[in-house]
């Protein structure tokens, strides 16, 4: 892909850049931690405490609390890792897509 294509904005799309990746490091780290059943149980028991322990920013915590997948992506969340949060809270990929399209 040519550099000119990479620099173009795609309307309605959040591009996952290196800067956004760094911004979302703790959010993605928390999402990855939910691969462990013990961590899923801890998260479900007290989301606020778990997110604070993982060092999420207030904006990231707010996005997770609201299940705002587009906001999580804007906060640096990697969609493949955010799927772990969705699975933990009982939301399917289809539910996530509907919410991001404004259909919920």
N, C-alpha and C. Protein backbone atom coordinates (compact mmCIF):
# COMPACT_ATOMS: atom_id res chain seq x y z
N UNK A 1 0.85 -1.17 0.00
CA UNK A 1 0.00 0.00 0.00
C UNK A 1 0.89 1.23 0.00
N UNK A 2 0.62 2.15 -0.92
CA UNK A 2 1.41 3.36 -1.01
C UNK A 2 1.21 4.27 0.18
N UNK A 3 2.21 5.08 0.45
CA UNK A 3 2.15 6.01 1.59
C UNK A 3 0.95 6.95 1.48
N UNK A 4 0.64 7.39 0.26
CA UNK A 4 -0.49 8.30 0.09
C UNK A 4 -1.80 7.65 0.51
N UNK A 5 -1.95 6.35 0.30
CA UNK A 5 -3.15 5.63 0.72
C UNK A 5 -3.21 5.52 2.23
N UNK A 6 -2.07 5.29 2.86
CA UNK A 6 -2.02 5.14 4.32
C UNK A 6 -2.35 6.45 5.02
N UNK A 7 -2.05 7.58 4.40
CA UNK A 7 -2.27 8.87 5.02
C UNK A 7 -3.70 9.38 4.87
N UNK A 8 -4.48 8.77 4.01
CA UNK A 8 -5.86 9.20 3.80
C UNK A 8 -6.73 8.79 4.98
N UNK A 9 -7.61 9.70 5.35
CA UNK A 9 -8.58 9.37 6.39
C UNK A 9 -9.74 8.64 5.75
N UNK A 10 -10.27 7.71 6.48
CA UNK A 10 -11.45 6.98 6.04
C UNK A 10 -12.59 7.45 6.93
N UNK A 11 -13.56 8.17 6.37
CA UNK A 11 -14.64 8.72 7.18
C UNK A 11 -15.31 7.66 8.06
N UNK A 12 -15.49 7.99 9.33
CA UNK A 12 -16.15 7.08 10.26
C UNK A 12 -15.27 5.96 10.77
N UNK A 13 -13.99 6.00 10.46
CA UNK A 13 -13.07 4.93 10.86
C UNK A 13 -11.98 5.49 11.75
N UNK A 14 -11.67 4.77 12.81
CA UNK A 14 -10.56 5.11 13.68
C UNK A 14 -9.38 4.24 13.26
N UNK A 15 -8.31 4.86 12.81
CA UNK A 15 -7.14 4.12 12.35
C UNK A 15 -6.29 3.76 13.57
N UNK A 16 -5.91 2.49 13.65
CA UNK A 16 -5.10 2.00 14.77
C UNK A 16 -3.63 2.27 14.46
N UNK A 17 -3.15 3.40 14.95
CA UNK A 17 -1.77 3.83 14.71
C UNK A 17 -0.88 3.41 15.87
N UNK A 18 0.41 3.62 15.71
CA UNK A 18 1.34 3.35 16.81
C UNK A 18 1.03 4.19 18.03
N UNK A 19 0.68 5.44 17.80
CA UNK A 19 0.33 6.34 18.91
C UNK A 19 -0.92 5.84 19.64
N UNK A 20 -1.93 5.43 18.88
CA UNK A 20 -3.15 4.93 19.48
C UNK A 20 -2.86 3.62 20.23
N UNK A 21 -1.98 2.81 19.70
CA UNK A 21 -1.59 1.57 20.37
C UNK A 21 -0.96 1.85 21.73
N UNK A 22 -0.09 2.83 21.76
CA UNK A 22 0.54 3.21 23.05
C UNK A 22 -0.50 3.74 24.02
N UNK A 23 -1.42 4.54 23.50
CA UNK A 23 -2.49 5.10 24.33
C UNK A 23 -3.32 3.98 24.96
N UNK A 24 -3.58 2.93 24.20
CA UNK A 24 -4.44 1.85 24.67
C UNK A 24 -3.73 0.70 25.33
N UNK A 25 -2.46 0.86 25.64
CA UNK A 25 -1.68 -0.26 26.17
C UNK A 25 -2.37 -0.92 27.37
N UNK A 26 -2.76 -0.13 28.36
CA UNK A 26 -3.36 -0.71 29.58
C UNK A 26 -4.75 -1.31 29.31
N UNK A 27 -5.52 -0.66 28.46
CA UNK A 27 -6.83 -1.21 28.08
C UNK A 27 -6.65 -2.56 27.41
N UNK A 28 -5.71 -2.64 26.48
CA UNK A 28 -5.45 -3.90 25.79
C UNK A 28 -4.87 -4.95 26.71
N UNK A 29 -4.02 -4.51 27.64
CA UNK A 29 -3.45 -5.43 28.62
C UNK A 29 -4.57 -6.02 29.49
N UNK A 30 -5.52 -5.16 29.90
CA UNK A 30 -6.63 -5.66 30.71
C UNK A 30 -7.48 -6.64 29.91
N UNK A 31 -7.77 -6.28 28.66
CA UNK A 31 -8.58 -7.16 27.82
C UNK A 31 -7.90 -8.52 27.67
N UNK A 32 -6.60 -8.52 27.44
CA UNK A 32 -5.86 -9.78 27.31
C UNK A 32 -5.89 -10.59 28.60
N UNK A 33 -5.88 -9.90 29.73
CA UNK A 33 -5.89 -10.59 31.02
C UNK A 33 -7.17 -11.41 31.21
N UNK A 34 -8.22 -11.04 30.48
CA UNK A 34 -9.50 -11.75 30.62
C UNK A 34 -9.49 -13.11 29.95
N UNK A 35 -8.35 -13.51 29.39
CA UNK A 35 -8.19 -14.88 28.88
C UNK A 35 -8.17 -15.87 30.04
N UNK A 36 -7.81 -15.38 31.21
CA UNK A 36 -7.71 -16.21 32.41
C UNK A 36 -9.05 -16.22 33.14
N UNK A 37 -9.65 -17.40 33.37
CA UNK A 37 -10.95 -17.47 34.03
C UNK A 37 -10.99 -16.78 35.40
N UNK A 38 -9.89 -16.82 36.14
CA UNK A 38 -9.84 -16.16 37.45
C UNK A 38 -9.98 -14.65 37.27
N UNK A 39 -9.32 -14.10 36.27
CA UNK A 39 -9.42 -12.67 36.01
C UNK A 39 -10.81 -12.28 35.52
N UNK A 40 -11.44 -13.13 34.71
CA UNK A 40 -12.81 -12.85 34.28
C UNK A 40 -13.74 -12.79 35.49
N UNK A 41 -13.55 -13.70 36.41
CA UNK A 41 -14.37 -13.73 37.62
C UNK A 41 -14.14 -12.46 38.45
N UNK A 42 -12.88 -12.04 38.59
CA UNK A 42 -12.57 -10.82 39.33
C UNK A 42 -13.18 -9.59 38.66
N UNK A 43 -13.08 -9.53 37.34
CA UNK A 43 -13.65 -8.41 36.60
C UNK A 43 -15.16 -8.35 36.79
N UNK A 44 -15.84 -9.49 36.65
CA UNK A 44 -17.29 -9.52 36.79
C UNK A 44 -17.75 -9.19 38.21
N UNK A 45 -16.94 -9.55 39.19
CA UNK A 45 -17.29 -9.28 40.59
C UNK A 45 -17.19 -7.80 40.93
N UNK A 46 -16.20 -7.10 40.36
CA UNK A 46 -16.00 -5.68 40.68
C UNK A 46 -15.22 -5.03 39.54
N UNK A 47 -15.97 -4.63 38.52
CA UNK A 47 -15.33 -4.05 37.33
C UNK A 47 -14.49 -2.82 37.67
N UNK A 48 -15.04 -1.94 38.48
CA UNK A 48 -14.35 -0.68 38.79
C UNK A 48 -13.00 -0.95 39.45
N UNK A 49 -12.99 -1.84 40.39
CA UNK A 49 -11.74 -2.16 41.09
C UNK A 49 -10.73 -2.81 40.13
N UNK A 50 -11.22 -3.73 39.32
CA UNK A 50 -10.33 -4.43 38.40
C UNK A 50 -9.71 -3.45 37.40
N UNK A 51 -10.54 -2.57 36.86
CA UNK A 51 -10.02 -1.60 35.89
C UNK A 51 -9.02 -0.66 36.54
N UNK A 52 -9.29 -0.24 37.77
CA UNK A 52 -8.37 0.65 38.49
C UNK A 52 -7.05 -0.07 38.74
N UNK A 53 -7.12 -1.31 39.15
CA UNK A 53 -5.89 -2.10 39.40
C UNK A 53 -5.07 -2.26 38.14
N UNK A 54 -5.75 -2.33 37.00
CA UNK A 54 -5.05 -2.50 35.72
C UNK A 54 -4.54 -1.16 35.18
N UNK A 55 -4.88 -0.06 35.83
CA UNK A 55 -4.34 1.25 35.45
C UNK A 55 -5.02 1.93 34.29
N UNK A 56 -6.28 1.57 34.01
CA UNK A 56 -7.00 2.21 32.91
C UNK A 56 -7.26 3.67 33.24
N UNK A 57 -7.22 4.51 32.22
CA UNK A 57 -7.56 5.92 32.39
C UNK A 57 -9.05 6.03 32.70
N UNK A 58 -9.46 7.18 33.20
CA UNK A 58 -10.89 7.39 33.49
C UNK A 58 -11.72 7.27 32.21
N UNK A 59 -11.21 7.80 31.10
CA UNK A 59 -11.94 7.72 29.84
C UNK A 59 -12.09 6.26 29.40
N UNK A 60 -11.06 5.46 29.57
CA UNK A 60 -11.13 4.05 29.21
C UNK A 60 -12.12 3.32 30.11
N UNK A 61 -12.05 3.61 31.41
CA UNK A 61 -12.99 2.97 32.35
C UNK A 61 -14.43 3.33 32.00
N UNK A 62 -14.67 4.60 31.66
CA UNK A 62 -16.00 5.04 31.31
C UNK A 62 -16.50 4.31 30.06
N UNK A 63 -15.64 4.18 29.06
CA UNK A 63 -16.02 3.48 27.83
C UNK A 63 -16.37 2.02 28.12
N UNK A 64 -15.58 1.37 28.97
CA UNK A 64 -15.86 -0.03 29.32
C UNK A 64 -17.18 -0.12 30.09
N UNK A 65 -17.38 0.76 31.06
CA UNK A 65 -18.62 0.74 31.85
C UNK A 65 -19.85 0.88 30.95
N UNK A 66 -19.75 1.77 29.95
CA UNK A 66 -20.88 2.03 29.05
C UNK A 66 -20.97 1.01 27.91
N UNK A 67 -19.97 0.11 27.83
CA UNK A 67 -19.90 -0.87 26.74
C UNK A 67 -19.90 -0.14 25.40
N UNK A 68 -19.15 0.95 25.37
CA UNK A 68 -19.06 1.79 24.17
C UNK A 68 -17.82 1.34 23.39
N UNK A 69 -18.03 0.41 22.47
CA UNK A 69 -16.92 -0.22 21.76
C UNK A 69 -16.18 0.77 20.87
N UNK A 70 -16.90 1.68 20.23
CA UNK A 70 -16.24 2.69 19.39
C UNK A 70 -15.36 3.59 20.25
N UNK A 71 -15.82 3.94 21.44
CA UNK A 71 -15.01 4.78 22.34
C UNK A 71 -13.78 4.01 22.81
N UNK A 72 -13.93 2.71 23.05
CA UNK A 72 -12.76 1.91 23.46
C UNK A 72 -11.73 1.88 22.34
N UNK A 73 -12.19 1.78 21.11
CA UNK A 73 -11.26 1.81 19.97
C UNK A 73 -10.59 3.17 19.89
N UNK A 74 -11.36 4.24 20.08
CA UNK A 74 -10.80 5.59 20.06
C UNK A 74 -9.79 5.79 21.19
N UNK A 75 -9.96 5.05 22.29
CA UNK A 75 -9.03 5.13 23.42
C UNK A 75 -7.84 4.18 23.26
N UNK A 76 -7.72 3.58 22.08
CA UNK A 76 -6.56 2.74 21.79
C UNK A 76 -6.81 1.25 21.89
N UNK A 77 -8.06 0.87 22.06
CA UNK A 77 -8.37 -0.55 22.15
C UNK A 77 -8.20 -1.24 20.80
N UNK A 78 -7.61 -2.42 20.84
CA UNK A 78 -7.46 -3.26 19.65
C UNK A 78 -8.71 -4.13 19.56
N UNK A 79 -9.40 -4.09 18.45
CA UNK A 79 -10.68 -4.79 18.32
C UNK A 79 -10.56 -6.27 18.65
N UNK A 80 -9.46 -6.89 18.30
CA UNK A 80 -9.31 -8.32 18.57
C UNK A 80 -9.21 -8.59 20.07
N UNK A 81 -8.64 -7.67 20.81
CA UNK A 81 -8.56 -7.82 22.26
C UNK A 81 -9.87 -7.39 22.92
N UNK A 82 -10.53 -6.39 22.36
CA UNK A 82 -11.81 -5.95 22.92
C UNK A 82 -12.85 -7.06 22.86
N UNK A 83 -12.69 -7.98 21.92
CA UNK A 83 -13.60 -9.13 21.85
C UNK A 83 -13.59 -9.92 23.15
N UNK A 84 -12.46 -9.92 23.85
CA UNK A 84 -12.37 -10.63 25.13
C UNK A 84 -13.24 -9.95 26.18
N UNK A 85 -13.29 -8.62 26.15
CA UNK A 85 -14.18 -7.91 27.08
C UNK A 85 -15.63 -8.22 26.71
N UNK A 86 -15.94 -8.16 25.42
CA UNK A 86 -17.29 -8.47 24.97
C UNK A 86 -17.74 -9.85 25.42
N UNK A 87 -16.89 -10.84 25.23
CA UNK A 87 -17.23 -12.21 25.64
C UNK A 87 -17.43 -12.29 27.15
N UNK A 88 -16.62 -11.57 27.90
CA UNK A 88 -16.70 -11.60 29.36
C UNK A 88 -18.03 -11.00 29.86
N UNK A 89 -18.51 -9.96 29.18
CA UNK A 89 -19.74 -9.30 29.63
C UNK A 89 -20.97 -9.80 28.88
N UNK A 90 -20.79 -10.83 28.06
CA UNK A 90 -21.93 -11.46 27.40
C UNK A 90 -22.41 -10.75 26.15
N UNK A 91 -21.52 -10.02 25.48
CA UNK A 91 -21.88 -9.37 24.23
C UNK A 91 -21.15 -10.05 23.08
N UNK A 92 -21.91 -10.39 22.07
CA UNK A 92 -21.32 -11.05 20.90
C UNK A 92 -20.71 -10.02 19.96
N UNK A 93 -20.00 -10.51 18.98
CA UNK A 93 -19.45 -9.64 17.94
C UNK A 93 -20.59 -8.89 17.25
N UNK A 94 -21.70 -9.56 17.01
CA UNK A 94 -22.84 -8.90 16.37
C UNK A 94 -23.39 -7.79 17.25
N UNK A 95 -23.48 -8.03 18.57
CA UNK A 95 -23.93 -6.98 19.50
C UNK A 95 -22.99 -5.78 19.44
N UNK A 96 -21.70 -6.05 19.41
CA UNK A 96 -20.70 -4.99 19.37
C UNK A 96 -20.85 -4.18 18.08
N UNK A 97 -21.02 -4.87 16.96
CA UNK A 97 -21.16 -4.19 15.67
C UNK A 97 -22.42 -3.33 15.64
N UNK A 98 -23.52 -3.85 16.16
CA UNK A 98 -24.77 -3.09 16.19
C UNK A 98 -24.59 -1.82 17.02
N UNK A 99 -23.93 -1.93 18.16
CA UNK A 99 -23.72 -0.76 19.01
C UNK A 99 -22.86 0.28 18.30
N UNK A 100 -21.83 -0.17 17.60
CA UNK A 100 -20.95 0.76 16.90
C UNK A 100 -21.65 1.44 15.72
N UNK A 101 -22.67 0.79 15.16
CA UNK A 101 -23.44 1.39 14.07
C UNK A 101 -24.59 2.24 14.59
N UNK A 102 -24.77 2.27 15.92
CA UNK A 102 -25.86 3.05 16.51
C UNK A 102 -27.20 2.37 16.46
N UNK A 103 -27.21 1.06 16.39
CA UNK A 103 -28.47 0.31 16.29
C UNK A 103 -28.98 -0.17 17.63
N UNK A 104 -28.29 0.14 18.71
CA UNK A 104 -28.77 -0.28 20.05
C UNK A 104 -29.51 0.84 20.71
